[in-house]
Amino acid sequence: MWRKGKKRTDEEGSAGADGGPARKKPTREPDDDGIVVCDISRNRRVSVRSWQGKVVVDIREFYMKDGKEFPGKKG
């Protein structure tokens, strides 16, 4: 239990593997062109790729229309 003025020790204060919530790992989809795509949320994706010798990070929002995904205005 937390008390004012008492210092935490490693056993009490740290949220270890069984103390804290499990971290959700993003899904990764490597492409044939070397593009890595990760889903941030249901409608957002991050893609990392190389373009003209530099690493480019794209963050895009998508929307559903007639069962298909289309890129949104943001991104």
Protein backbone atom coordinates (compact mmCIF):
# COMPACT_ATOMS: atom_id res chain seq x y z
CA MET A 1 0.00 0.00 0.00
CA TRP A 2 1.23 3.48 -0.78
CA ARG A 3 2.07 5.75 2.12
CA LYS A 4 3.21 9.33 1.99
CA GLY A 5 6.93 9.68 2.62
CA LYS A 6 7.78 6.02 2.19
CA LYS A 7 10.16 5.12 -0.63
CA ARG A 8 9.23 2.37 -3.00
CA THR A 9 11.27 -0.75 -3.30
CA ASP A 10 11.53 -2.87 -6.42
CA GLU A 11 9.19 -5.53 -5.04
CA GLU A 12 6.42 -3.11 -4.01
CA GLY A 13 6.34 -0.32 -6.57
CA SER A 14 7.11 -1.84 -9.93
CA ALA A 15 4.35 -3.27 -12.07
CA GLY A 16 6.01 -6.37 -13.40
CA ALA A 17 4.77 -9.09 -15.69
CA ASP A 18 1.96 -10.09 -13.32
CA GLY A 19 1.26 -6.67 -11.78
CA GLY A 20 0.35 -4.51 -14.75
CA PRO A 21 -1.85 -4.88 -17.79
CA ALA A 22 -0.50 -6.83 -20.73
CA ARG A 23 0.85 -4.69 -23.55
CA LYS A 24 -0.86 -5.07 -26.88
CA LYS A 25 1.58 -5.77 -29.69
CA PRO A 26 0.81 -4.08 -33.00
CA THR A 27 0.29 -6.32 -35.98
CA ARG A 28 3.03 -6.07 -38.57
CA GLU A 29 2.63 -6.86 -42.23
CA PRO A 30 5.95 -6.85 -44.12
CA ASP A 31 5.46 -6.15 -47.80
CA ASP A 32 7.45 -7.46 -50.78
CA ASP A 33 8.89 -3.98 -51.32
CA GLY A 34 10.32 -3.80 -47.79
CA ILE A 35 7.42 -1.72 -46.45
CA VAL A 36 6.40 -2.50 -42.86
CA VAL A 37 2.76 -1.68 -42.01
CA CYS A 38 1.52 -1.58 -38.39
CA ASP A 39 -2.06 -1.00 -37.24
CA ILE A 40 -2.26 1.69 -34.55
CA SER A 41 -6.01 1.53 -34.10
CA ARG A 42 -8.97 0.28 -36.09
CA ASN A 43 -8.77 3.06 -38.68
CA ARG A 44 -5.11 4.16 -38.44
CA ARG A 45 -1.97 2.60 -39.89
CA VAL A 46 1.73 3.40 -39.84
CA SER A 47 3.99 2.35 -42.68
CA VAL A 48 7.78 2.56 -42.66
CA ARG A 49 9.62 2.42 -45.98
CA SER A 50 12.75 3.56 -47.72
CA TRP A 51 12.44 6.26 -50.39
CA GLN A 52 15.41 7.79 -52.23
CA GLY A 53 17.78 6.37 -49.63
CA LYS A 54 15.90 7.85 -46.65
CA VAL A 55 13.53 6.23 -44.16
CA VAL A 56 9.97 7.55 -44.49
CA VAL A 57 7.20 7.07 -41.89
CA ASP A 58 3.61 7.44 -43.11
CA ILE A 59 0.67 7.73 -40.69
CA ARG A 60 -2.69 7.35 -42.42
CA GLU A 61 -6.35 7.23 -41.43
CA PHE A 62 -8.74 5.03 -43.38
CA TYR A 63 -12.53 4.83 -43.66
CA MET A 64 -14.87 2.04 -44.75
CA LYS A 65 -17.25 2.50 -47.69
CA ASP A 66 -19.20 -0.40 -49.19
CA GLY A 67 -16.96 -2.92 -47.39
CA LYS A 68 -13.72 -1.45 -48.81
CA GLU A 69 -11.06 0.66 -47.08
CA PHE A 70 -10.14 4.03 -48.52
CA PRO A 71 -7.55 6.56 -47.30
CA GLY A 72 -9.04 9.53 -45.48
CA LYS A 73 -8.21 13.22 -45.67
CA LYS A 74 -5.82 13.06 -42.73
CA GLY A 75 -2.46 11.53 -43.46
